[in-house]
C-alpha atoms as a PDB file:
ATOM      1  CA  MET A   1     -34.616 -89.933-159.705  1.00  0.00           C
ATOM      2  CA  ASN A   2     -35.960 -86.561-160.691  1.00  0.00           C
ATOM      3  CA  TYR A   3     -35.208 -83.288-159.051  1.00  0.00           C
ATOM      4  CA  THR A   4     -37.640 -81.066-157.212  1.00  0.00           C
ATOM      5  CA  PHE A   5     -37.525 -77.405-156.263  1.00  0.00           C
ATOM      6  CA  ILE A   6     -36.792 -75.707-152.982  1.00  0.00           C
ATOM      7  CA  GLU A   7     -37.636 -72.097-152.296  1.00  0.00           C
ATOM      8  CA  ILE A   8     -35.115 -70.286-150.135  1.00  0.00           C
ATOM      9  CA  ASN A   9     -35.784 -66.666-149.297  1.00  0.00           C
ATOM     10  CA  GLU A  10     -38.078 -66.254-152.333  1.00  0.00           C
ATOM     11  CA  ASN A  11     -35.537 -67.886-154.705  1.00  0.00           C
ATOM     12  CA  LYS A  12     -36.417 -71.232-156.316  1.00  0.00           C
ATOM     13  CA  HIS A  13     -33.653 -73.732-156.985  1.00  0.00           C
ATOM     14  CA  PRO A  14     -33.734 -77.295-158.306  1.00  0.00           C
ATOM     15  CA  ILE A  15     -32.547 -79.800-155.714  1.00  0.00           C
ATOM     16  CA  LYS A  16     -31.686 -83.471-155.944  1.00  0.00           C
ATOM     17  CA  PHE A  17     -30.073 -85.709-153.355  1.00  0.00           C
ATOM     18  CA  GLY A  18     -28.961 -88.452-155.717  1.00  0.00           C
ATOM     19  CA  PHE A  19     -25.784 -90.478-155.655  1.00  0.00           C
ATOM     20  CA  ALA A  20     -23.770 -87.665-157.264  1.00  0.00           C
ATOM     21  CA  ALA A  21     -24.807 -85.179-154.565  1.00  0.00           C
ATOM     22  CA  LEU A  22     -24.083 -87.640-151.763  1.00  0.00           C
ATOM     23  CA  ALA A  23     -20.694 -88.545-153.269  1.00  0.00           C
ATOM     24  CA  LYS A  24     -19.773 -84.856-153.534  1.00  0.00           C
ATOM     25  CA  TYR A  25     -20.911 -84.253-149.930  1.00  0.00           C
ATOM     26  CA  SER A  26     -18.960 -87.297-148.752  1.00  0.00           C
ATOM     27  CA  LYS A  27     -15.810 -86.070-150.468  1.00  0.00           C
ATOM     28  CA  LYS A  28     -16.129 -82.506-149.142  1.00  0.00           C
ATOM     29  CA  THR A  29     -16.823 -83.586-145.549  1.00  0.00           C
ATOM     30  CA  ASN A  30     -14.835 -86.823-145.421  1.00  0.00           C
ATOM     31  CA  THR A  31     -18.018 -88.697-144.511  1.00  0.00           C
ATOM     32  CA  SER A  32     -17.957 -92.464-144.905  1.00  0.00           C
ATOM     33  CA  LEU A  33     -20.629 -94.452-146.700  1.00  0.00           C
ATOM     34  CA  GLN A  34     -21.622 -95.912-143.325  1.00  0.00           C
ATOM     35  CA  ASP A  35     -22.295 -92.450-141.941  1.00  0.00           C
ATOM     36  CA  LEU A  36     -24.533 -91.332-144.822  1.00  0.00           C
ATOM     37  CA  ASP A  37     -27.550 -93.018-143.183  1.00  0.00           C
ATOM     38  CA  LYS A  38     -27.200 -90.498-140.337  1.00  0.00           C
ATOM     39  CA  LEU A  39     -27.614 -87.458-142.610  1.00  0.00           C
ATOM     40  CA  GLY A  40     -29.844 -84.812-141.122  1.00  0.00           C
ATOM     41  CA  THR A  41     -29.268 -85.801-137.497  1.00  0.00           C
ATOM     42  CA  ASP A  42     -26.782 -84.010-135.250  1.00  0.00           C
ATOM     43  CA  MET A  43     -25.231 -82.162-138.190  1.00  0.00           C
ATOM     44  CA  THR A  44     -23.167 -79.058-137.775  1.00  0.00           C
ATOM     45  CA  LEU A  45     -24.410 -75.955-139.557  1.00  0.00           C
ATOM     46  CA  ASP A  46     -21.442 -76.181-141.892  1.00  0.00           C
ATOM     47  CA  ASP A  47     -22.287 -79.799-142.789  1.00  0.00           C
ATOM     48  CA  ALA A  48     -25.951 -78.917-143.330  1.00  0.00           C
ATOM     49  CA  LEU A  49     -24.996 -76.009-145.571  1.00  0.00           C
ATOM     50  CA  THR A  50     -22.596 -78.212-147.545  1.00  0.00           C
ATOM     51  CA  LEU A  51     -25.219 -80.949-147.948  1.00  0.00           C
ATOM     52  CA  ILE A  52     -27.885 -78.516-149.155  1.00  0.00           C
ATOM     53  CA  HIS A  53     -25.424 -76.918-151.570  1.00  0.00           C
ATOM     54  CA  CYS A  54     -24.446 -80.334-152.979  1.00  0.00           C
ATOM     55  CA  GLY A  55     -28.146 -81.122-153.451  1.00  0.00           C
ATOM     56  CA  ILE A  56     -28.771 -77.835-155.235  1.00  0.00           C
ATOM     57  CA  GLU A  57     -25.710 -78.290-157.452  1.00  0.00           C
ATOM     58  CA  ASP A  58     -26.972 -81.760-158.390  1.00  0.00           C
ATOM     59  CA  GLY A  59     -30.448 -80.355-159.002  1.00  0.00           C
ATOM     60  CA  TYR A  60     -29.016 -77.864-161.465  1.00  0.00           C
ATOM     61  CA  ARG A  61     -26.995 -80.638-163.132  1.00  0.00           C
ATOM     62  CA  ALA A  62     -30.100 -82.839-163.442  1.00  0.00           C
ATOM     63  CA  SER A  63     -32.113 -79.945-164.873  1.00  0.00           C
ATOM     64  CA  LYS A  64     -29.303 -79.260-167.349  1.00  0.00           C
ATOM     65  CA  GLN A  65     -28.745 -75.746-166.028  1.00  0.00           C
ATOM     66  CA  LYS A  66     -25.588 -74.077-164.828  1.00  0.00           C
ATOM     67  CA  CYS A  67     -25.402 -73.599-161.056  1.00  0.00           C
ATOM     68  CA  GLU A  68     -24.065 -70.161-160.237  1.00  0.00           C
ATOM     69  CA  LEU A  69     -25.026 -70.324-156.564  1.00  0.00           C
ATOM     70  CA  THR A  70     -21.941 -70.411-154.354  1.00  0.00           C
ATOM     71  CA  ILE A  71     -21.997 -71.854-150.870  1.00  0.00           C
ATOM     72  CA  ASP A  72     -21.636 -68.302-149.501  1.00  0.00           C
ATOM     73  CA  ASP A  73     -24.603 -67.128-151.600  1.00  0.00           C
ATOM     74  CA  LEU A  74     -26.619 -70.030-150.194  1.00  0.00           C
ATOM     75  CA  ALA A  75     -25.644 -69.069-146.651  1.00  0.00           C
ATOM     76  CA  ASP A  76     -26.817 -65.510-147.313  1.00  0.00           C
ATOM     77  CA  LEU A  77     -30.170 -66.785-148.621  1.00  0.00           C
ATOM     78  CA  ILE A  78     -30.619 -69.041-145.596  1.00  0.00           C
ATOM     79  CA  ASP A  79     -29.938 -66.070-143.298  1.00  0.00           C
ATOM     80  CA  GLY A  80     -33.290 -64.705-144.455  1.00  0.00           C
ATOM     81  CA  ASP A  81     -35.095 -68.076-144.373  1.00  0.00           C
ATOM     82  CA  PHE A  82     -33.706 -70.340-141.666  1.00  0.00           C
ATOM     83  CA  ASP A  83     -36.682 -72.705-142.035  1.00  0.00           C
ATOM     84  CA  SER A  84     -35.324 -73.682-145.454  1.00  0.00           C
ATOM     85  CA  ILE A  85     -32.865 -76.001-143.677  1.00  0.00           C
ATOM     86  CA  ARG A  86     -35.806 -78.035-142.369  1.00  0.00           C
ATOM     87  CA  ARG A  87     -37.426 -78.083-145.812  1.00  0.00           C
ATOM     88  CA  ALA A  88     -34.192 -79.300-147.395  1.00  0.00           C
ATOM     89  CA  MET A  89     -33.904 -82.093-144.821  1.00  0.00           C
ATOM     90  CA  GLU A  90     -37.501 -83.130-145.576  1.00  0.00           C
ATOM     91  CA  ILE A  91     -36.646 -83.302-149.289  1.00  0.00           C
ATOM     92  CA  LEU A  92     -33.568 -85.360-148.419  1.00  0.00           C
ATOM     93  CA  ALA A  93     -35.702 -87.809-146.425  1.00  0.00           C
ATOM     94  CA  GLU A  94     -38.266 -88.089-149.223  1.00  0.00           C
ATOM     95  CA  GLN A  95     -35.652 -88.645-151.920  1.00  0.00           C
ATOM     96  CA  MET A  96     -33.745 -91.203-149.871  1.00  0.00           C
ATOM     97  CA  GLY A  97     -36.959 -93.069-149.066  1.00  0.00           C
ATOM     98  CA  GLY A  98     -36.898 -92.133-145.413  1.00  0.00           C
ATOM     99  CA  ASN A  99     -39.883 -91.812-143.136  1.00  0.00           C
ATOM    100  CA  THR A 100     -41.805 -88.629-143.678  1.00  0.00           C
ATOM    101  CA  LYS A 101     -44.809 -87.326-141.786  1.00  0.00           C
ATOM    102  CA  SER A 102     -47.162 -88.197-144.644  1.00  0.00           C
ATOM    103  CA  LYS A 103     -45.945 -91.804-144.671  1.00  0.00           C
ATOM    104  CA  LYS A 104     -46.386 -92.073-140.926  1.00  0.00           C
ATOM    105  CA  LEU A 105     -49.919 -90.670-141.128  1.00  0.00           C
ATOM    106  CA  LYS A 106     -50.878 -93.118-143.866  1.00  0.00           C
ATOM    107  CA  ALA A 107     -49.564 -96.005-141.815  1.00  0.00           C
ATOM    108  CA  LYS A 108     -51.635 -94.966-138.787  1.00  0.00           C
ATOM    109  CA  LYS A 109     -54.829 -94.716-140.810  1.00  0.00           C
ATOM    110  CA  LYS A 110     -54.730 -98.425-141.839  1.00  0.00           C
END
């Protein structure tokens, strides 16, 4: 799976929610494999921040760049662009093969 980019407060970062990102998130939050299918629903802000940071770290790894963005730096960026949380969750859904609005619209048109 390739990475994509997310813009947060006018800063572009590669992001990828592959197995490495999910494993890192699971380890940091003590989330079980069973609970990974619930990502993006009823998450705490801390869990959402951790998930996005894991995705960005994995995006940098996949793009063969060094990630210098700390979780605190990410929180500061999100302070100026709270909608970026929604965008990150949409990327998560797309990369995990979840239902997105575009898929739902295509299904209705048939």
